[in-house]
Amino acid sequence: MLEATIGRPYALHVHGNSDTTGAIRGVETIVTGLKWKRLREPLSIVGEVDAAVREACWELGATVVASLMPA
């Protein structure tokens, strides 16, 4: 069943109060096993969410949407 998802694209956004390293490592371990394709580097946000963070999240979402469009 999981073989049907091989090669699927993914993007990752993680928000933490002081560190996101472990969360990112955990997700990347899982998706490596699933053989998913990372669209771009994980978006790691530590601390407060501001306009720059919201813009980065928007760009991440736009990247995901663009990857799903037919060529």
Protein backbone atom coordinates (compact mmCIF):
# COMPACT_ATOMS: atom_id res chain seq x y z
CA MET A 1 0.00 0.00 0.00
CA LEU A 2 2.75 2.50 0.90
CA GLU A 3 4.53 1.72 -2.37
CA ALA A 4 1.79 3.70 -4.10
CA THR A 5 3.11 6.89 -2.48
CA ILE A 6 6.76 6.55 -3.56
CA GLY A 7 7.98 9.77 -5.17
CA ARG A 8 5.21 11.98 -3.82
CA PRO A 9 6.26 15.56 -3.13
CA TYR A 10 6.30 17.02 0.35
CA ALA A 11 7.18 20.24 2.10
CA LEU A 12 7.69 20.81 5.80
CA HIS A 13 6.95 23.71 8.13
CA VAL A 14 7.90 23.38 11.80
CA HIS A 15 7.35 26.02 14.48
CA GLY A 16 8.94 25.71 17.89
CA ASN A 17 9.60 27.86 20.91
CA SER A 18 13.33 27.19 21.09
CA ASP A 19 14.38 24.47 18.63
CA THR A 20 12.98 22.48 15.70
CA THR A 21 15.96 20.25 14.93
CA GLY A 22 14.56 17.05 16.43
CA ALA A 23 11.15 17.48 14.82
CA ILE A 24 12.68 18.06 11.40
CA ARG A 25 15.02 15.10 11.81
CA GLY A 26 12.10 12.86 12.77
CA VAL A 27 9.96 13.84 9.81
CA GLU A 28 12.87 13.52 7.39
CA THR A 29 13.62 10.03 8.70
CA ILE A 30 10.04 9.00 8.02
CA VAL A 31 9.80 10.51 4.55
CA THR A 32 13.17 9.02 3.58
CA GLY A 33 11.72 5.61 4.37
CA LEU A 34 8.63 6.45 2.34
CA LYS A 35 10.85 7.65 -0.54
CA TRP A 36 9.02 10.95 -0.84
CA LYS A 37 10.56 13.84 -2.75
CA ARG A 38 11.34 17.01 -0.78
CA LEU A 39 10.32 20.12 -2.72
CA ARG A 40 12.55 22.50 -0.75
CA GLU A 41 14.41 22.82 2.51
CA PRO A 42 12.20 22.61 5.61
CA LEU A 43 10.90 25.92 6.90
CA SER A 44 12.01 26.13 10.51
CA ILE A 45 10.51 28.89 12.62
CA VAL A 46 11.61 29.51 16.18
CA GLY A 47 9.83 32.07 18.32
CA GLU A 48 7.26 34.65 17.32
CA VAL A 49 5.39 34.61 14.04
CA ASP A 50 5.66 37.89 12.17
CA ALA A 51 5.03 39.17 8.65
CA ALA A 52 8.26 37.65 7.33
CA VAL A 53 7.30 34.24 8.70
CA ARG A 54 3.83 34.47 7.19
CA GLU A 55 5.40 35.36 3.83
CA ALA A 56 7.77 32.39 4.05
CA CYS A 57 4.81 30.11 4.82
CA TRP A 58 2.91 31.52 1.86
CA GLU A 59 5.89 30.85 -0.41
CA LEU A 60 6.16 27.29 0.90
CA GLY A 61 2.48 26.71 0.15
CA ALA A 62 2.88 28.23 -3.32
CA THR A 63 5.77 25.85 -3.99
CA VAL A 64 3.61 22.88 -3.05
CA VAL A 65 0.71 24.05 -5.23
CA ALA A 66 3.02 24.69 -8.20
CA SER A 67 4.44 21.17 -7.88
CA LEU A 68 0.95 19.71 -8.19
CA MET A 69 0.11 21.53 -11.40
CA PRO A 70 0.25 19.43 -14.56
CA ALA A 71 3.28 20.09 -16.74
